[in-house]
């Protein structure tokens, strides 16, 4: 691009930014972190609802957050299997807390399926025993 100012011509090169592999990796990591945070929050809301029966607003909040994260990941090119894998990693690794009670995993799995995410969730103990996931 050039501009003329009287007898002086100023040339300005146009800079076109390129996406570098590390930027794509960083973005994918951020999507994964967002998904993991939302699925863990949703799991805690499910646990609270099971234990207390009074976490309706909190459940709706985390459902909407999880739905937005899943849709954002899909719109950025993350496929449903990778989204499911991120959810599995999050819920199948020990976080130093008590295991998720009762039918919590099946309720989370059912909700993820409504979002088009084919997650197969197992408890942290079963995951550790199978060697499928590593503990954080």
N, C-alpha and C. Protein backbone atom coordinates (compact mmCIF):
# COMPACT_ATOMS: atom_id res chain seq x y z
N UNK A 1 0.85 -1.15 0.00
CA UNK A 1 0.00 0.00 0.00
C UNK A 1 0.91 1.22 0.00
N UNK A 2 0.61 2.23 -0.82
CA UNK A 2 1.43 3.44 -0.90
C UNK A 2 0.57 4.68 -0.77
N UNK A 3 1.17 5.71 -0.20
CA UNK A 3 0.53 7.02 -0.10
C UNK A 3 1.48 8.05 -0.68
N UNK A 4 0.92 9.05 -1.34
CA UNK A 4 1.74 10.15 -1.84
C UNK A 4 1.45 11.39 -1.03
N UNK A 5 2.51 11.99 -0.50
CA UNK A 5 2.40 13.25 0.22
C UNK A 5 3.30 14.24 -0.51
N UNK A 6 2.69 15.00 -1.41
CA UNK A 6 3.48 15.92 -2.22
C UNK A 6 4.42 15.14 -3.11
N UNK A 7 5.71 15.36 -2.96
CA UNK A 7 6.69 14.66 -3.78
C UNK A 7 7.23 13.40 -3.09
N UNK A 8 6.71 13.09 -1.90
CA UNK A 8 7.20 11.93 -1.16
C UNK A 8 6.17 10.80 -1.27
N UNK A 9 6.64 9.61 -1.59
CA UNK A 9 5.78 8.43 -1.61
C UNK A 9 6.14 7.55 -0.42
N UNK A 10 5.15 7.24 0.37
CA UNK A 10 5.36 6.38 1.53
C UNK A 10 4.76 5.02 1.23
N UNK A 11 5.57 4.00 1.33
CA UNK A 11 5.09 2.63 1.12
C UNK A 11 4.98 1.92 2.46
N UNK A 12 3.82 1.32 2.68
CA UNK A 12 3.59 0.56 3.91
C UNK A 12 3.26 -0.87 3.51
N UNK A 13 4.10 -1.80 3.90
CA UNK A 13 3.79 -3.19 3.58
C UNK A 13 2.59 -3.67 4.41
N UNK A 14 1.72 -4.44 3.80
CA UNK A 14 0.58 -5.00 4.52
C UNK A 14 1.04 -6.26 5.25
N UNK A 15 0.73 -6.32 6.50
CA UNK A 15 1.11 -7.49 7.29
C UNK A 15 -0.10 -8.42 7.38
N UNK A 16 0.11 -9.64 6.98
CA UNK A 16 -0.94 -10.64 7.08
C UNK A 16 -0.48 -11.64 8.13
N UNK A 17 -1.26 -11.75 9.18
CA UNK A 17 -0.84 -12.68 10.23
C UNK A 17 -1.20 -14.10 9.82
N UNK A 18 -0.34 -15.01 10.21
CA UNK A 18 -0.57 -16.43 9.94
C UNK A 18 -0.83 -17.13 11.27
N UNK A 19 -1.64 -18.15 11.20
CA UNK A 19 -1.84 -18.97 12.39
C UNK A 19 -0.70 -19.96 12.45
N UNK A 20 0.01 -19.94 13.54
CA UNK A 20 1.11 -20.87 13.73
C UNK A 20 0.60 -22.07 14.52
N UNK A 21 1.28 -23.18 14.37
CA UNK A 21 0.83 -24.41 15.04
C UNK A 21 0.71 -24.24 16.54
N UNK A 22 1.63 -23.50 17.16
CA UNK A 22 1.54 -23.36 18.61
C UNK A 22 0.31 -22.56 19.01
N UNK A 23 -0.13 -21.62 18.16
CA UNK A 23 -1.34 -20.87 18.48
C UNK A 23 -2.57 -21.76 18.41
N UNK A 24 -2.62 -22.63 17.42
CA UNK A 24 -3.73 -23.57 17.32
C UNK A 24 -3.74 -24.47 18.54
N UNK A 25 -2.57 -24.95 18.95
CA UNK A 25 -2.47 -25.79 20.13
C UNK A 25 -2.91 -25.09 21.39
N UNK A 26 -2.52 -23.84 21.52
CA UNK A 26 -2.93 -23.06 22.68
C UNK A 26 -4.44 -22.89 22.69
N UNK A 27 -5.03 -22.62 21.52
CA UNK A 27 -6.47 -22.44 21.45
C UNK A 27 -7.19 -23.74 21.81
N UNK A 28 -6.69 -24.86 21.30
CA UNK A 28 -7.30 -26.16 21.61
C UNK A 28 -7.18 -26.46 23.10
N UNK A 29 -6.04 -26.11 23.69
CA UNK A 29 -5.86 -26.31 25.12
C UNK A 29 -6.85 -25.47 25.90
N UNK A 30 -7.07 -24.24 25.46
CA UNK A 30 -8.03 -23.36 26.14
C UNK A 30 -9.44 -23.93 26.05
N UNK A 31 -9.82 -24.44 24.88
CA UNK A 31 -11.13 -25.07 24.73
C UNK A 31 -11.26 -26.25 25.68
N UNK A 32 -10.21 -27.06 25.77
CA UNK A 32 -10.23 -28.22 26.66
C UNK A 32 -10.37 -27.79 28.11
N UNK A 33 -9.62 -26.76 28.50
CA UNK A 33 -9.71 -26.27 29.87
C UNK A 33 -11.11 -25.76 30.18
N UNK A 34 -11.69 -25.03 29.24
CA UNK A 34 -13.06 -24.52 29.44
C UNK A 34 -14.04 -25.67 29.62
N UNK A 35 -13.94 -26.66 28.74
CA UNK A 35 -14.84 -27.82 28.85
C UNK A 35 -14.66 -28.54 30.17
N UNK A 36 -13.41 -28.74 30.58
CA UNK A 36 -13.16 -29.45 31.82
C UNK A 36 -13.69 -28.69 33.03
N UNK A 37 -13.54 -27.37 33.02
CA UNK A 37 -14.06 -26.56 34.12
C UNK A 37 -15.59 -26.64 34.17
N UNK A 38 -16.23 -26.56 33.00
CA UNK A 38 -17.70 -26.58 32.97
C UNK A 38 -18.25 -27.95 33.34
N UNK A 39 -17.61 -29.02 32.88
CA UNK A 39 -18.12 -30.36 33.21
C UNK A 39 -17.93 -30.63 34.70
N UNK A 40 -16.83 -30.15 35.27
CA UNK A 40 -16.63 -30.36 36.70
C UNK A 40 -17.65 -29.57 37.52
N UNK A 41 -17.92 -28.34 37.12
CA UNK A 41 -18.94 -27.54 37.80
C UNK A 41 -20.31 -28.18 37.70
N UNK A 42 -20.63 -28.70 36.51
CA UNK A 42 -21.90 -29.37 36.32
C UNK A 42 -21.98 -30.63 37.18
N UNK A 43 -20.89 -31.38 37.25
CA UNK A 43 -20.87 -32.58 38.08
C UNK A 43 -21.11 -32.24 39.55
N UNK A 44 -20.50 -31.16 40.01
CA UNK A 44 -20.71 -30.76 41.40
C UNK A 44 -22.16 -30.33 41.65
N UNK A 45 -22.78 -29.68 40.67
CA UNK A 45 -24.19 -29.31 40.80
C UNK A 45 -25.08 -30.55 40.85
N UNK A 46 -24.75 -31.56 40.05
CA UNK A 46 -25.52 -32.81 40.08
C UNK A 46 -25.37 -33.47 41.45
N UNK A 47 -24.16 -33.50 41.98
CA UNK A 47 -23.93 -34.08 43.31
C UNK A 47 -24.74 -33.32 44.36
N UNK A 48 -24.70 -32.00 44.30
CA UNK A 48 -25.47 -31.20 45.27
C UNK A 48 -26.96 -31.48 45.17
N UNK A 49 -27.44 -31.62 43.94
CA UNK A 49 -28.86 -31.90 43.76
C UNK A 49 -29.22 -33.27 44.33
N UNK A 50 -28.35 -34.25 44.12
CA UNK A 50 -28.58 -35.60 44.65
C UNK A 50 -28.57 -35.57 46.18
N UNK A 51 -27.61 -34.87 46.76
CA UNK A 51 -27.45 -34.86 48.22
C UNK A 51 -28.44 -33.96 48.93
N UNK A 52 -28.77 -32.82 48.33
CA UNK A 52 -29.57 -31.83 49.05
C UNK A 52 -30.96 -31.63 48.46
N UNK A 53 -31.12 -31.91 47.21
CA UNK A 53 -32.41 -31.70 46.56
C UNK A 53 -32.80 -30.24 46.42
N UNK A 54 -31.84 -29.32 46.51
CA UNK A 54 -32.21 -27.90 46.46
C UNK A 54 -31.24 -27.07 45.61
N UNK A 55 -30.67 -27.67 44.61
CA UNK A 55 -29.66 -26.96 43.82
C UNK A 55 -30.17 -26.63 42.42
N UNK A 56 -31.46 -26.35 42.26
CA UNK A 56 -32.05 -26.12 40.94
C UNK A 56 -31.42 -24.98 40.17
N UNK A 57 -31.26 -23.83 40.81
CA UNK A 57 -30.67 -22.68 40.11
C UNK A 57 -29.22 -22.95 39.73
N UNK A 58 -28.50 -23.57 40.65
CA UNK A 58 -27.10 -23.90 40.37
C UNK A 58 -27.01 -24.91 39.22
N UNK A 59 -27.92 -25.88 39.20
CA UNK A 59 -27.94 -26.87 38.13
C UNK A 59 -28.20 -26.19 36.79
N UNK A 60 -29.17 -25.29 36.74
CA UNK A 60 -29.47 -24.58 35.49
C UNK A 60 -28.29 -23.73 35.04
N UNK A 61 -27.63 -23.09 35.98
CA UNK A 61 -26.46 -22.27 35.66
C UNK A 61 -25.38 -23.12 34.99
N UNK A 62 -25.03 -24.26 35.61
CA UNK A 62 -23.96 -25.09 35.06
C UNK A 62 -24.37 -25.80 33.78
N UNK A 63 -25.66 -26.12 33.65
CA UNK A 63 -26.14 -26.70 32.38
C UNK A 63 -25.93 -25.70 31.25
N UNK A 64 -26.29 -24.44 31.50
CA UNK A 64 -26.14 -23.43 30.44
C UNK A 64 -24.67 -23.19 30.13
N UNK A 65 -23.81 -23.16 31.16
CA UNK A 65 -22.37 -22.97 30.93
C UNK A 65 -21.79 -24.12 30.13
N UNK A 66 -22.18 -25.35 30.48
CA UNK A 66 -21.68 -26.53 29.78
C UNK A 66 -22.17 -26.54 28.34
N UNK A 67 -23.43 -26.20 28.14
CA UNK A 67 -23.99 -26.15 26.78
C UNK A 67 -23.23 -25.14 25.93
N UNK A 68 -22.96 -23.96 26.48
CA UNK A 68 -22.21 -22.95 25.74
C UNK A 68 -20.80 -23.42 25.41
N UNK A 69 -20.14 -24.08 26.35
CA UNK A 69 -18.78 -24.57 26.10
C UNK A 69 -18.76 -25.65 25.03
N UNK A 70 -19.75 -26.55 25.07
CA UNK A 70 -19.83 -27.60 24.06
C UNK A 70 -20.07 -26.99 22.69
N UNK A 71 -21.00 -26.05 22.60
CA UNK A 71 -21.29 -25.40 21.32
C UNK A 71 -20.08 -24.61 20.81
N UNK A 72 -19.38 -23.94 21.72
CA UNK A 72 -18.19 -23.18 21.33
C UNK A 72 -17.11 -24.13 20.79
N UNK A 73 -16.90 -25.23 21.49
CA UNK A 73 -15.89 -26.20 21.04
C UNK A 73 -16.26 -26.77 19.67
N UNK A 74 -17.54 -27.09 19.47
CA UNK A 74 -17.99 -27.61 18.18
C UNK A 74 -17.78 -26.57 17.08
N UNK A 75 -18.11 -25.31 17.38
CA UNK A 75 -17.98 -24.26 16.37
C UNK A 75 -16.52 -24.00 16.00
N UNK A 76 -15.61 -24.33 16.91
CA UNK A 76 -14.17 -24.16 16.66
C UNK A 76 -13.53 -25.41 16.06
N UNK A 77 -14.37 -26.41 15.74
CA UNK A 77 -13.85 -27.58 15.04
C UNK A 77 -13.54 -28.79 15.90
N UNK A 78 -13.82 -28.74 17.19
CA UNK A 78 -13.58 -29.90 18.03
C UNK A 78 -14.72 -30.89 17.81
N UNK A 79 -14.39 -32.12 17.48
CA UNK A 79 -15.46 -33.09 17.20
C UNK A 79 -16.03 -33.66 18.50
N UNK A 80 -17.19 -34.29 18.37
CA UNK A 80 -17.92 -34.78 19.53
C UNK A 80 -17.12 -35.80 20.33
N UNK A 81 -16.32 -36.62 19.64
CA UNK A 81 -15.52 -37.62 20.34
C UNK A 81 -14.44 -36.96 21.21
N UNK A 82 -13.84 -35.88 20.73
CA UNK A 82 -12.83 -35.18 21.53
C UNK A 82 -13.49 -34.48 22.71
N UNK A 83 -14.67 -33.92 22.51
CA UNK A 83 -15.40 -33.30 23.61
C UNK A 83 -15.70 -34.37 24.67
N UNK A 84 -16.16 -35.53 24.21
CA UNK A 84 -16.44 -36.64 25.13
C UNK A 84 -15.18 -37.03 25.89
N UNK A 85 -14.05 -37.09 25.18
CA UNK A 85 -12.79 -37.46 25.82
C UNK A 85 -12.41 -36.47 26.91
N UNK A 86 -12.60 -35.18 26.65
CA UNK A 86 -12.29 -34.16 27.66
C UNK A 86 -13.17 -34.34 28.90
N UNK A 87 -14.44 -34.65 28.68
CA UNK A 87 -15.35 -34.89 29.80
C UNK A 87 -14.93 -36.13 30.58
N UNK A 88 -14.55 -37.17 29.86
CA UNK A 88 -14.10 -38.41 30.50
C UNK A 88 -12.84 -38.17 31.32
N UNK A 89 -11.89 -37.43 30.75
CA UNK A 89 -10.66 -37.12 31.48
C UNK A 89 -10.97 -36.38 32.77
N UNK A 90 -11.89 -35.44 32.70
CA UNK A 90 -12.21 -34.62 33.85
C UNK A 90 -12.85 -35.43 34.96
N UNK A 91 -13.82 -36.26 34.61
CA UNK A 91 -14.58 -36.97 35.64
C UNK A 91 -13.98 -38.31 36.04
N UNK A 92 -13.04 -38.81 35.28
CA UNK A 92 -12.46 -40.12 35.58
C UNK A 92 -11.09 -40.03 36.21
N UNK A 93 -10.69 -38.84 36.62
CA UNK A 93 -9.42 -38.69 37.32
C UNK A 93 -9.70 -38.18 38.72
N UNK A 94 -8.87 -38.58 39.64
CA UNK A 94 -9.07 -38.20 41.03
C UNK A 94 -8.68 -36.74 41.22
N UNK A 95 -9.51 -36.01 41.93
CA UNK A 95 -9.19 -34.62 42.27
C UNK A 95 -9.04 -34.47 43.77
N UNK A 96 -8.77 -35.58 44.45
CA UNK A 96 -8.61 -35.52 45.89
C UNK A 96 -9.93 -35.35 46.62
N UNK A 97 -11.02 -35.60 45.94
CA UNK A 97 -12.34 -35.49 46.56
C UNK A 97 -12.98 -36.86 46.63
N UNK A 98 -14.10 -36.93 47.31
CA UNK A 98 -14.83 -38.19 47.38
C UNK A 98 -15.33 -38.56 45.99
N UNK A 99 -15.49 -39.85 45.73
CA UNK A 99 -16.03 -40.26 44.43
C UNK A 99 -17.45 -39.72 44.23
N UNK A 100 -17.82 -39.55 42.98
CA UNK A 100 -19.17 -39.07 42.67
C UNK A 100 -20.18 -40.13 43.09
N UNK A 101 -21.23 -39.74 43.81
CA UNK A 101 -22.17 -40.71 44.35
C UNK A 101 -23.20 -41.22 43.34
N UNK A 102 -23.69 -42.42 43.63
CA UNK A 102 -24.86 -42.98 42.96
C UNK A 102 -24.87 -42.89 41.46
N UNK A 103 -25.97 -42.39 40.95
CA UNK A 103 -26.18 -42.33 39.50
C UNK A 103 -25.70 -41.02 38.89
N UNK A 104 -24.80 -40.32 39.58
CA UNK A 104 -24.31 -39.02 39.10
C UNK A 104 -23.72 -39.13 37.70
N UNK A 105 -22.83 -40.10 37.50
CA UNK A 105 -22.18 -40.24 36.19
C UNK A 105 -23.19 -40.53 35.09
N UNK A 106 -24.18 -41.38 35.37
CA UNK A 106 -25.17 -41.69 34.34
C UNK A 106 -26.04 -40.48 34.02
N UNK A 107 -26.33 -39.64 35.02
CA UNK A 107 -27.10 -38.42 34.77
C UNK A 107 -26.31 -37.42 33.93
N UNK A 108 -25.02 -37.31 34.21
CA UNK A 108 -24.16 -36.41 33.43
C UNK A 108 -24.04 -36.94 32.01
N UNK A 109 -23.83 -38.24 31.88
CA UNK A 109 -23.72 -38.88 30.57
C UNK A 109 -24.99 -38.64 29.75
N UNK A 110 -26.15 -38.78 30.39
CA UNK A 110 -27.43 -38.57 29.69
C UNK A 110 -27.54 -37.13 29.20
N UNK A 111 -27.12 -36.16 30.03
CA UNK A 111 -27.19 -34.76 29.60
C UNK A 111 -26.23 -34.50 28.44
N UNK A 112 -25.03 -35.05 28.52
CA UNK A 112 -24.07 -34.87 27.43
C UNK A 112 -24.60 -35.45 26.13
N UNK A 113 -25.29 -36.56 26.21
CA UNK A 113 -25.87 -37.16 25.00
C UNK A 113 -26.91 -36.25 24.37
N UNK A 114 -27.66 -35.49 25.19
CA UNK A 114 -28.61 -34.52 24.62
C UNK A 114 -27.89 -33.42 23.87
N UNK A 115 -26.60 -33.22 24.19
CA UNK A 115 -25.78 -32.21 23.52
C UNK A 115 -25.00 -32.81 22.35
N UNK A 116 -25.22 -34.09 22.06
CA UNK A 116 -24.52 -34.75 20.96
C UNK A 116 -23.13 -35.23 21.30
N UNK A 117 -22.85 -35.38 22.59
CA UNK A 117 -21.52 -35.80 23.04
C UNK A 117 -21.62 -37.24 23.56
N UNK A 118 -20.97 -38.19 22.87
CA UNK A 118 -21.09 -39.61 23.22
C UNK A 118 -20.14 -40.06 24.33
N UNK A 119 -20.22 -39.42 25.49
CA UNK A 119 -19.31 -39.74 26.58
C UNK A 119 -19.69 -41.06 27.26
N UNK A 120 -18.69 -41.83 27.61
CA UNK A 120 -18.86 -43.07 28.38
C UNK A 120 -18.09 -42.86 29.68
N UNK A 121 -18.77 -42.40 30.70
CA UNK A 121 -18.11 -42.02 31.94
C UNK A 121 -17.99 -43.21 32.89
N UNK A 122 -16.81 -43.31 33.52
CA UNK A 122 -16.59 -44.33 34.54
C UNK A 122 -15.99 -43.66 35.77
N UNK A 123 -16.10 -44.30 36.90
CA UNK A 123 -15.58 -43.71 38.13
C UNK A 123 -14.06 -43.64 38.10
N UNK A 124 -13.51 -42.77 38.95
CA UNK A 124 -12.06 -42.63 39.02
C UNK A 124 -11.40 -43.94 39.44
N UNK A 125 -12.04 -44.69 40.35
CA UNK A 125 -11.48 -45.97 40.78
C UNK A 125 -11.40 -46.96 39.63
N UNK A 126 -12.48 -47.06 38.84
CA UNK A 126 -12.47 -47.96 37.69
C UNK A 126 -11.45 -47.52 36.65
N UNK A 127 -11.35 -46.21 36.44
CA UNK A 127 -10.39 -45.68 35.46
C UNK A 127 -8.97 -45.99 35.89
N UNK A 128 -8.70 -45.80 37.18
CA UNK A 128 -7.35 -46.08 37.70
C UNK A 128 -7.04 -47.57 37.57
N UNK A 129 -8.01 -48.41 37.88
CA UNK A 129 -7.83 -49.86 37.79
C UNK A 129 -7.60 -50.34 36.37
N UNK A 130 -8.24 -49.67 35.42
CA UNK A 130 -8.10 -50.09 34.02
C UNK A 130 -6.85 -49.52 33.37
N UNK A 131 -6.24 -48.51 34.00
CA UNK A 131 -5.07 -47.87 33.41
C UNK A 131 -5.43 -46.99 32.23
N UNK A 132 -6.71 -46.70 32.07
CA UNK A 132 -7.19 -45.93 30.93
C UNK A 132 -6.78 -44.46 31.00
N UNK A 133 -6.79 -43.90 32.20
CA UNK A 133 -6.43 -42.51 32.39
C UNK A 133 -5.38 -42.41 33.48
N UNK A 134 -4.62 -41.35 33.44
CA UNK A 134 -3.63 -41.11 34.47
C UNK A 134 -4.19 -40.15 35.49
N UNK A 135 -3.78 -40.31 36.72
CA UNK A 135 -4.19 -39.39 37.77
C UNK A 135 -3.44 -38.08 37.60
N UNK A 136 -4.10 -36.97 37.93
CA UNK A 136 -3.44 -35.67 37.81
C UNK A 136 -2.52 -35.41 38.96
